Amino acid sequence: MLQSVKKIEIIVSDVEVPAVLKILKKCQIKNFTIINNISGTGSHGNPSDGLLTNSYIMIISNELELFEKLLKDIEPLLKKLGGIFIVSDAEWIAH
């Protein structure tokens, strides 16, 4: 049976992951997935030197108040250092 959830996707520079993890801990978010060493291209172009890589962090939950607190706490970091923060509706198999 599918259950409705919210999915947060965060993409930041690898060097910023510890700061994001600190915010997740502060927001009491314990379950997440991190995929390191990703790359892509966007409005800032494609980093051709290969010196900087990014990480993808995915959080799935149905606790909206956690997401609201996370958004409030992570927004200053993203405004200062860049990155992507996406919230979307999703469904997963409840188990």
PDB file of N, CA and C in Angstrom:
ATOM      1  N   MET A   1       0.854  -1.180   0.000  1.00  0.00           N
ATOM      2  CA  MET A   1       0.000   0.000   0.000  1.00  0.00           C
ATOM      3  C   MET A   1       0.892   1.232   0.000  1.00  0.00           C
ATOM      4  N   LEU A   2       0.623   2.153  -0.898  1.00  0.00           N
ATOM      5  CA  LEU A   2       1.397   3.387  -0.985  1.00  0.00           C
ATOM      6  C   LEU A   2       0.939   4.398   0.058  1.00  0.00           C
ATOM      7  N   GLN A   3       1.887   5.116   0.610  1.00  0.00           N
ATOM      8  CA  GLN A   3       1.615   6.146   1.610  1.00  0.00           C
ATOM      9  C   GLN A   3       2.151   7.476   1.084  1.00  0.00           C
ATOM     10  N   SER A   4       1.362   8.538   1.231  1.00  0.00           N
ATOM     11  CA  SER A   4       1.802   9.874   0.805  1.00  0.00           C
ATOM     12  C   SER A   4       2.841  10.409   1.774  1.00  0.00           C
ATOM     13  N   VAL A   5       3.914  10.970   1.215  1.00  0.00           N
ATOM     14  CA  VAL A   5       5.000  11.554   2.000  1.00  0.00           C
ATOM     15  C   VAL A   5       5.501  12.810   1.297  1.00  0.00           C
ATOM     16  N   LYS A   6       6.330  13.559   1.970  1.00  0.00           N
ATOM     17  CA  LYS A   6       7.059  14.669   1.368  1.00  0.00           C
ATOM     18  C   LYS A   6       8.499  14.220   1.181  1.00  0.00           C
ATOM     19  N   LYS A   7       9.091  14.666   0.078  1.00  0.00           N
ATOM     20  CA  LYS A   7      10.495  14.349  -0.189  1.00  0.00           C
ATOM     21  C   LYS A   7      11.262  15.657  -0.310  1.00  0.00           C
ATOM     22  N   ILE A   8      12.331  15.743   0.459  1.00  0.00           N
ATOM     23  CA  ILE A   8      13.233  16.895   0.365  1.00  0.00           C
ATOM     24  C   ILE A   8      14.512  16.420  -0.302  1.00  0.00           C
ATOM     25  N   GLU A   9      14.958  17.198  -1.281  1.00  0.00           N
ATOM     26  CA  GLU A   9      16.216  16.933  -1.955  1.00  0.00           C
ATOM     27  C   GLU A   9      17.105  18.159  -1.769  1.00  0.00           C
ATOM     28  N   ILE A  10      18.290  17.916  -1.276  1.00  0.00           N
ATOM     29  CA  ILE A  10      19.251  18.991  -1.036  1.00  0.00           C
ATOM     30  C   ILE A  10      20.516  18.650  -1.807  1.00  0.00           C
ATOM     31  N   ILE A  11      20.993  19.609  -2.586  1.00  0.00           N
ATOM     32  CA  ILE A  11      22.268  19.431  -3.280  1.00  0.00           C
ATOM     33  C   ILE A  11      23.175  20.575  -2.860  1.00  0.00           C
ATOM     34  N   VAL A  12      24.311  20.208  -2.288  1.00  0.00           N
ATOM     35  CA  VAL A  12      25.292  21.199  -1.837  1.00  0.00           C
ATOM     36  C   VAL A  12      26.690  20.704  -2.179  1.00  0.00           C
ATOM     37  N   SER A  13      27.635  21.606  -2.146  1.00  0.00           N
ATOM     38  CA  SER A  13      29.029  21.247  -2.317  1.00  0.00           C
ATOM     39  C   SER A  13      29.423  20.237  -1.239  1.00  0.00           C
ATOM     40  N   ASP A  14      30.270  19.290  -1.596  1.00  0.00           N
ATOM     41  CA  ASP A  14      30.706  18.282  -0.623  1.00  0.00           C
ATOM     42  C   ASP A  14      31.245  18.913   0.657  1.00  0.00           C
ATOM     43  N   VAL A  15      31.922  20.036   0.535  1.00  0.00           N
ATOM     44  CA  VAL A  15      32.504  20.661   1.730  1.00  0.00           C
ATOM     45  C   VAL A  15      31.436  21.226   2.660  1.00  0.00           C
ATOM     46  N   GLU A  16      30.214  21.411   2.155  1.00  0.00           N
ATOM     47  CA  GLU A  16      29.138  21.950   2.990  1.00  0.00           C
ATOM     48  C   GLU A  16      28.307  20.859   3.665  1.00  0.00           C
ATOM     49  N   VAL A  17      28.557  19.594   3.343  1.00  0.00           N
ATOM     50  CA  VAL A  17      27.762  18.503   3.922  1.00  0.00           C
ATOM     51  C   VAL A  17      27.812  18.502   5.449  1.00  0.00           C
ATOM     52  N   PRO A  18      28.973  18.667   6.091  1.00  0.00           N
ATOM     53  CA  PRO A  18      28.967  18.693   7.558  1.00  0.00           C
ATOM     54  C   PRO A  18      28.062  19.777   8.138  1.00  0.00           C
ATOM     55  N   ALA A  19      28.001  20.940   7.503  1.00  0.00           N
ATOM     56  CA  ALA A  19      27.114  22.002   7.991  1.00  0.00           C
ATOM     57  C   ALA A  19      25.653  21.597   7.834  1.00  0.00           C
ATOM     58  N   VAL A  20      25.315  20.948   6.721  1.00  0.00           N
ATOM     59  CA  VAL A  20      23.937  20.476   6.519  1.00  0.00           C
ATOM     60  C   VAL A  20      23.597  19.399   7.542  1.00  0.00           C
ATOM     61  N   LEU A  21      24.522  18.478   7.788  1.00  0.00           N
ATOM     62  CA  LEU A  21      24.269  17.417   8.770  1.00  0.00           C
ATOM     63  C   LEU A  21      24.057  17.992  10.170  1.00  0.00           C
ATOM     64  N   LYS A  22      24.768  19.055  10.488  1.00  0.00           N
ATOM     65  CA  LYS A  22      24.583  19.724  11.776  1.00  0.00           C
ATOM     66  C   LYS A  22      23.165  20.297  11.873  1.00  0.00           C
ATOM     67  N   ILE A  23      22.684  20.869  10.779  1.00  0.00           N
ATOM     68  CA  ILE A  23      21.319  21.404  10.754  1.00  0.00           C
ATOM     69  C   ILE A  23      20.299  20.274  10.856  1.00  0.00           C
ATOM     70  N   LEU A  24      20.538  19.167  10.156  1.00  0.00           N
ATOM     71  CA  LEU A  24      19.617  18.026  10.252  1.00  0.00           C
ATOM     72  C   LEU A  24      19.539  17.517  11.686  1.00  0.00           C
ATOM     73  N   LYS A  25      20.677  17.440  12.339  1.00  0.00           N
ATOM     74  CA  LYS A  25      20.695  16.989  13.739  1.00  0.00           C
ATOM     75  C   LYS A  25      19.927  17.961  14.626  1.00  0.00           C
ATOM     76  N   LYS A  26      20.138  19.253  14.435  1.00  0.00           N
ATOM     77  CA  LYS A  26      19.426  20.278  15.204  1.00  0.00           C
ATOM     78  C   LYS A  26      17.912  20.153  15.013  1.00  0.00           C
ATOM     79  N   CYS A  27      17.502  19.791  13.789  1.00  0.00           N
ATOM     80  CA  CYS A  27      16.078  19.645  13.469  1.00  0.00           C
ATOM     81  C   CYS A  27      15.548  18.253  13.825  1.00  0.00           C
ATOM     82  N   GLN A  28      16.398  17.428  14.417  1.00  0.00           N
ATOM     83  CA  GLN A  28      16.045  16.071  14.838  1.00  0.00           C
ATOM     84  C   GLN A  28      15.621  15.188  13.666  1.00  0.00           C
ATOM     85  N   ILE A  29      16.266  15.385  12.530  1.00  0.00           N
ATOM     86  CA  ILE A  29      16.039  14.534  11.364  1.00  0.00           C
ATOM     87  C   ILE A  29      17.137  13.484  11.372  1.00  0.00           C
ATOM     88  N   LYS A  30      16.732  12.240  11.584  1.00  0.00           N
ATOM     89  CA  LYS A  30      17.699  11.156  11.755  1.00  0.00           C
ATOM     90  C   LYS A  30      17.798  10.236  10.546  1.00  0.00           C
ATOM     91  N   ASN A  31      16.794  10.244   9.689  1.00  0.00           N
ATOM     92  CA  ASN A  31      16.763   9.319   8.560  1.00  0.00           C
ATOM     93  C   ASN A  31      16.912  10.090   7.257  1.00  0.00           C
ATOM     94  N   PHE A  32      17.994   9.818   6.548  1.00  0.00           N
ATOM     95  CA  PHE A  32      18.252  10.489   5.281  1.00  0.00           C
ATOM     96  C   PHE A  32      19.232   9.652   4.482  1.00  0.00           C
ATOM     97  N   THR A  33      19.339   9.971   3.216  1.00  0.00           N
ATOM     98  CA  THR A  33      20.277   9.306   2.319  1.00  0.00           C
ATOM     99  C   THR A  33      21.214  10.363   1.743  1.00  0.00           C
ATOM    100  N   ILE A  34      22.498  10.041   1.688  1.00  0.00           N
ATOM    101  CA  ILE A  34      23.484  10.932   1.075  1.00  0.00           C
ATOM    102  C   ILE A  34      24.157  10.184  -0.071  1.00  0.00           C
ATOM    103  N   ILE A  35      24.192  10.831  -1.215  1.00  0.00           N
ATOM    104  CA  ILE A  35      24.945  10.316  -2.354  1.00  0.00           C
ATOM    105  C   ILE A  35      26.028  11.351  -2.643  1.00  0.00           C
ATOM    106  N   ASN A  36      27.261  10.939  -2.497  1.00  0.00           N
ATOM    107  CA  ASN A  36      28.397  11.840  -2.684  1.00  0.00           C
ATOM    108  C   ASN A  36      28.892  11.808  -4.126  1.00  0.00           C
ATOM    109  N   ASN A  37      29.659  12.834  -4.447  1.00  0.00           N
ATOM    110  CA  ASN A  37      30.383  12.871  -5.714  1.00  0.00           C
ATOM    111  C   ASN A  37      29.456  12.945  -6.927  1.00  0.00           C
ATOM    112  N   ILE A  38      28.494  13.839  -6.890  1.00  0.00           N
ATOM    113  CA  ILE A  38      27.611  14.024  -8.039  1.00  0.00           C
ATOM    114  C   ILE A  38      28.017  15.299  -8.774  1.00  0.00           C
ATOM    115  N   SER A  39      27.628  15.391 -10.023  1.00  0.00           N
ATOM    116  CA  SER A  39      27.921  16.603 -10.776  1.00  0.00           C
ATOM    117  C   SER A  39      26.773  16.892 -11.717  1.00  0.00           C
ATOM    118  N   GLY A  40      26.758  18.090 -12.227  1.00  0.00           N
ATOM    119  CA  GLY A  40      25.719  18.503 -13.154  1.00  0.00           C
ATOM    120  C   GLY A  40      26.017  19.902 -13.652  1.00  0.00           C
ATOM    121  N   THR A  41      25.098  20.430 -14.409  1.00  0.00           N
ATOM    122  CA  THR A  41      25.261  21.775 -14.924  1.00  0.00           C
ATOM    123  C   THR A  41      23.978  22.547 -14.672  1.00  0.00           C
ATOM    124  N   GLY A  42      24.095  23.827 -14.467  1.00  0.00           N
ATOM    125  CA  GLY A  42      22.934  24.665 -14.180  1.00  0.00           C
ATOM    126  C   GLY A  42      23.231  26.109 -14.525  1.00  0.00           C
ATOM    127  N   SER A  43      22.564  26.998 -13.845  1.00  0.00           N
ATOM    128  CA  SER A  43      22.700  28.427 -14.151  1.00  0.00           C
ATOM    129  C   SER A  43      24.108  28.946 -13.904  1.00  0.00           C
ATOM    130  N   HIS A  44      24.875  28.255 -13.071  1.00  0.00           N
ATOM    131  CA  HIS A  44      26.253  28.677 -12.803  1.00  0.00           C
ATOM    132  C   HIS A  44      27.250  27.958 -13.686  1.00  0.00           C
ATOM    133  N   GLY A  45      26.756  27.178 -14.654  1.00  0.00           N
ATOM    134  CA  GLY A  45      27.637  26.489 -15.587  1.00  0.00           C
ATOM    135  C   GLY A  45      28.051  25.119 -15.098  1.00  0.00           C
ATOM    136  N   ASN A  46      29.048  24.575 -15.747  1.00  0.00           N
ATOM    137  CA  ASN A  46      29.561  23.249 -15.437  1.00  0.00           C
ATOM    138  C   ASN A  46      30.988  23.386 -14.921  1.00  0.00           C
ATOM    139  N   PRO A  47      31.232  22.981 -13.670  1.00  0.00           N
ATOM    140  CA  PRO A  47      32.597  23.112 -13.151  1.00  0.00           C
ATOM    141  C   PRO A  47      33.548  22.196 -13.913  1.00  0.00           C
ATOM    142  N   SER A  48      34.365  22.783 -14.781  1.00  0.00           N
ATOM    143  CA  SER A  48      35.218  21.977 -15.661  1.00  0.00           C
ATOM    144  C   SER A  48      36.520  21.537 -15.003  1.00  0.00           C
ATOM    145  N   ASP A  49      36.897  22.188 -13.904  1.00  0.00           N
ATOM    146  CA  ASP A  49      38.180  21.835 -13.304  1.00  0.00           C
ATOM    147  C   ASP A  49      38.107  20.579 -12.445  1.00  0.00           C
ATOM    148  N   GLY A  50      36.905  20.153 -12.068  1.00  0.00           N
ATOM    149  CA  GLY A  50      36.749  18.933 -11.293  1.00  0.00           C
ATOM    150  C   GLY A  50      37.206  19.046  -9.850  1.00  0.00           C
ATOM    151  N   LEU A  51      37.504  20.257  -9.390  1.00  0.00           N
ATOM    152  CA  LEU A  51      37.984  20.418  -8.020  1.00  0.00           C
ATOM    153  C   LEU A  51      36.856  20.368  -7.004  1.00  0.00           C
ATOM    154  N   LEU A  52      35.673  20.791  -7.396  1.00  0.00           N
ATOM    155  CA  LEU A  52      34.532  20.781  -6.492  1.00  0.00           C
ATOM    156  C   LEU A  52      33.515  19.755  -6.949  1.00  0.00           C
ATOM    157  N   THR A  53      33.039  18.954  -6.003  1.00  0.00           N
ATOM    158  CA  THR A  53      31.962  18.021  -6.298  1.00  0.00           C
ATOM    159  C   THR A  53      30.823  18.297  -5.330  1.00  0.00           C
ATOM    160  N   ASN A  54      29.696  17.747  -5.626  1.00  0.00           N
ATOM    161  CA  ASN A  54      28.501  17.978  -4.827  1.00  0.00           C
ATOM    162  C   ASN A  54      28.013  16.691  -4.197  1.00  0.00           C
ATOM    163  N   SER A  55      27.123  16.856  -3.233  1.00  0.00           N
ATOM    164  CA  SER A  55      26.446  15.735  -2.599  1.00  0.00           C
ATOM    165  C   SER A  55      24.949  15.959  -2.677  1.00  0.00           C
ATOM    166  N   TYR A  56      24.222  14.861  -2.778  1.00  0.00           N
ATOM    167  CA  TYR A  56      22.762  14.852  -2.842  1.00  0.00           C
ATOM    168  C   TYR A  56      22.261  14.238  -1.544  1.00  0.00           C
ATOM    169  N   ILE A  57      21.389  14.953  -0.855  1.00  0.00           N
ATOM    170  CA  ILE A  57      20.814  14.474   0.404  1.00  0.00           C
ATOM    171  C   ILE A  57      19.310  14.386   0.214  1.00  0.00           C
ATOM    172  N   MET A  58      18.738  13.216   0.507  1.00  0.00           N
ATOM    173  CA  MET A  58      17.299  13.009   0.352  1.00  0.00           C
ATOM    174  C   MET A  58      16.699  12.642   1.709  1.00  0.00           C
ATOM    175  N   ILE A  59      15.588  13.313   2.015  1.00  0.00           N
ATOM    176  CA  ILE A  59      14.857  13.066   3.256  1.00  0.00           C
ATOM    177  C   ILE A  59      13.408  12.804   2.882  1.00  0.00           C
ATOM    178  N   ILE A  60      12.829  11.751   3.442  1.00  0.00           N
ATOM    179  CA  ILE A  60      11.427  11.432   3.189  1.00  0.00           C
ATOM    180  C   ILE A  60      10.722  11.314   4.528  1.00  0.00           C
ATOM    181  N   SER A  61       9.598  12.002   4.649  1.00  0.00           N
ATOM    182  CA  SER A  61       8.832  11.973   5.898  1.00  0.00           C
ATOM    183  C   SER A  61       7.441  12.516   5.641  1.00  0.00           C
ATOM    184  N   ASN A  62       6.576  12.311   6.603  1.00  0.00           N
ATOM    185  CA  ASN A  62       5.250  12.940   6.552  1.00  0.00           C
ATOM    186  C   ASN A  62       5.075  13.918   7.712  1.00  0.00           C
ATOM    187  N   GLU A  63       6.173  14.280   8.364  1.00  0.00           N
ATOM    188  CA  GLU A  63       6.149  15.225   9.475  1.00  0.00           C
ATOM    189  C   GLU A  63       6.436  16.633   8.953  1.00  0.00           C
ATOM    190  N   LEU A  64       5.387  17.348   8.581  1.00  0.00           N
ATOM    191  CA  LEU A  64       5.538  18.659   7.953  1.00  0.00           C
ATOM    192  C   LEU A  64       6.249  19.670   8.836  1.00  0.00           C
ATOM    193  N   GLU A  65       6.044  19.600  10.132  1.00  0.00           N
ATOM    194  CA  GLU A  65       6.686  20.572  11.022  1.00  0.00           C
ATOM    195  C   GLU A  65       8.209  20.434  11.000  1.00  0.00           C
ATOM    196  N   LEU A  66       8.712  19.221  10.771  1.00  0.00           N
ATOM    197  CA  LEU A  66      10.162  19.041  10.649  1.00  0.00           C
ATOM    198  C   LEU A  66      10.691  19.761   9.413  1.00  0.00           C
ATOM    199  N   PHE A  67       9.963  19.658   8.307  1.00  0.00           N
ATOM    200  CA  PHE A  67      10.392  20.295   7.080  1.00  0.00           C
ATOM    201  C   PHE A  67      10.367  21.808   7.193  1.00  0.00           C
ATOM    202  N   GLU A  68       9.360  22.337   7.866  1.00  0.00           N
ATOM    203  CA  GLU A  68       9.271  23.787   8.039  1.00  0.00           C
ATOM    204  C   GLU A  68      10.447  24.298   8.856  1.00  0.00           C
ATOM    205  N   LYS A  69      10.807  23.570   9.923  1.00  0.00           N
ATOM    206  CA  LYS A  69      11.958  23.964  10.744  1.00  0.00           C
ATOM    207  C   LYS A  69      13.250  23.838   9.934  1.00  0.00           C
ATOM    208  N   LEU A  70      13.371  22.748   9.164  1.00  0.00           N
ATOM    209  CA  LEU A  70      14.566  22.557   8.345  1.00  0.00           C
ATOM    210  C   LEU A  70      14.722  23.694   7.337  1.00  0.00           C
ATOM    211  N   LEU A  71      13.644  24.057   6.673  1.00  0.00           N
ATOM    212  CA  LEU A  71      13.700  25.146   5.690  1.00  0.00           C
ATOM    213  C   LEU A  71      14.168  26.435   6.354  1.00  0.00           C
ATOM    214  N   LYS A  72      13.617  26.748   7.510  1.00  0.00           N
ATOM    215  CA  LYS A  72      13.988  27.967   8.237  1.00  0.00           C
ATOM    216  C   LYS A  72      15.475  27.956   8.615  1.00  0.00           C
ATOM    217  N   ASP A  73      15.965  26.791   9.035  1.00  0.00           N
ATOM    218  CA  ASP A  73      17.345  26.705   9.507  1.00  0.00           C
ATOM    219  C   ASP A  73      18.371  26.610   8.371  1.00  0.00           C
ATOM    220  N   ILE A  74      17.981  26.011   7.243  1.00  0.00           N
ATOM    221  CA  ILE A  74      18.947  25.800   6.162  1.00  0.00           C
ATOM    222  C   ILE A  74      18.977  26.955   5.168  1.00  0.00           C
ATOM    223  N   GLU A  75      17.929  27.752   5.121  1.00  0.00           N
ATOM    224  CA  GLU A  75      17.851  28.836   4.134  1.00  0.00           C
ATOM    225  C   GLU A  75      19.041  29.800   4.209  1.00  0.00           C
ATOM    226  N   PRO A  76      19.475  30.242   5.403  1.00  0.00           N
ATOM    227  CA  PRO A  76      20.638  31.146   5.446  1.00  0.00           C
ATOM    228  C   PRO A  76      21.910  30.510   4.861  1.00  0.00           C
ATOM    229  N   LEU A  77      22.112  29.218   5.112  1.00  0.00           N
ATOM    230  CA  LEU A  77      23.279  28.530   4.559  1.00  0.00           C
ATOM    231  C   LEU A  77      23.222  28.507   3.035  1.00  0.00           C
ATOM    232  N   LEU A  78      22.050  28.177   2.481  1.00  0.00           N
ATOM    233  CA  LEU A  78      21.913  28.104   1.031  1.00  0.00           C
ATOM    234  C   LEU A  78      22.056  29.481   0.391  1.00  0.00           C
ATOM    235  N   LYS A  79      21.531  30.519   1.033  1.00  0.00           N
ATOM    236  CA  LYS A  79      21.668  31.869   0.485  1.00  0.00           C
ATOM    237  C   LYS A  79      23.124  32.314   0.473  1.00  0.00           C
ATOM    238  N   LYS A  80      23.875  31.900   1.485  1.00  0.00           N
ATOM    239  CA  LYS A  80      25.270  32.302   1.591  1.00  0.00           C
ATOM    240  C   LYS A  80      26.178  31.485   0.668  1.00  0.00           C
ATOM    241  N   LEU A  81      25.968  30.176   0.611  1.00  0.00           N
ATOM    242  CA  LEU A  81      26.914  29.296  -0.066  1.00  0.00           C
ATOM    243  C   LEU A  81      26.377  28.646  -1.339  1.00  0.00           C
ATOM    244  N   GLY A  82      25.093  28.787  -1.597  1.00  0.00           N
ATOM    245  CA  GLY A  82      24.506  28.163  -2.777  1.00  0.00           C
ATOM    246  C   GLY A  82      24.020  26.757  -2.487  1.00  0.00           C
ATOM    247  N   GLY A  83      23.359  26.207  -3.455  1.00  0.00           N
ATOM    248  CA  GLY A  83      22.824  24.862  -3.315  1.00  0.00           C
ATOM    249  C   GLY A  83      21.380  24.815  -3.776  1.00  0.00           C
ATOM    250  N   ILE A  84      20.813  23.635  -3.710  1.00  0.00           N
ATOM    251  CA  ILE A  84      19.435  23.412  -4.152  1.00  0.00           C
ATOM    252  C   ILE A  84      18.656  22.765  -3.018  1.00  0.00           C
ATOM    253  N   PHE A  85      17.414  23.206  -2.844  1.00  0.00           N
ATOM    254  CA  PHE A  85      16.514  22.650  -1.828  1.00  0.00           C
ATOM    255  C   PHE A  85      15.154  22.470  -2.497  1.00  0.00           C
ATOM    256  N   ILE A  86      14.720  21.237  -2.653  1.00  0.00           N
ATOM    257  CA  ILE A  86      13.463  20.936  -3.342  1.00  0.00           C
ATOM    258  C   ILE A  86      12.564  20.143  -2.397  1.00  0.00           C
ATOM    259  N   VAL A  87      11.300  20.527  -2.338  1.00  0.00           N
ATOM    260  CA  VAL A  87      10.290  19.768  -1.593  1.00  0.00           C
ATOM    261  C   VAL A  87       9.236  19.322  -2.592  1.00  0.00           C
ATOM    262  N   SER A  88       8.918  18.039  -2.577  1.00  0.00           N
ATOM    263  CA  SER A  88       7.898  17.540  -3.492  1.00  0.00           C
ATOM    264  C   SER A  88       7.037  16.487  -2.801  1.00  0.00           C
ATOM    265  N   ASP A  89       5.855  16.293  -3.352  1.00  0.00           N
ATOM    266  CA  ASP A  89       4.970  15.234  -2.892  1.00  0.00           C
ATOM    267  C   ASP A  89       5.449  13.928  -3.518  1.00  0.00           C
ATOM    268  N   ALA A  90       5.381  12.863  -2.749  1.00  0.00           N
ATOM    269  CA  ALA A  90       5.790  11.552  -3.238  1.00  0.00           C
ATOM    270  C   ALA A  90       4.945  10.479  -2.567  1.00  0.00           C
ATOM    271  N   GLU A  91       5.102   9.280  -3.037  1.00  0.00           N
ATOM    272  CA  GLU A  91       4.456   8.137  -2.409  1.00  0.00           C
ATOM    273  C   GLU A  91       5.497   7.041  -2.260  1.00  0.00           C
ATOM    274  N   TRP A  92       5.392   6.310  -1.143  1.00  0.00           N
ATOM    275  CA  TRP A  92       6.295   5.190  -0.942  1.00  0.00           C
ATOM    276  C   TRP A  92       5.537   4.013  -0.397  1.00  0.00           C
ATOM    277  N   ILE A  93       6.160   2.872  -0.482  1.00  0.00           N
ATOM    278  CA  ILE A  93       5.527   1.666   0.046  1.00  0.00           C
ATOM    279  C   ILE A  93       5.732   1.643   1.545  1.00  0.00           C
ATOM    280  N   ALA A  94       4.664   1.720   2.290  1.00  0.00           N
ATOM    281  CA  ALA A  94       4.744   1.674   3.749  1.00  0.00           C
ATOM    282  C   ALA A  94       5.122   0.251   4.158  1.00  0.00           C
ATOM    283  N   HIS A  95       6.121   0.138   5.017  1.00  0.00           N
ATOM    284  CA  HIS A  95       6.555  -1.176   5.477  1.00  0.00           C
ATOM    285  C   HIS A  95       6.957  -1.136   6.928  1.00  0.00           C
TER     286      HIS A  95
END
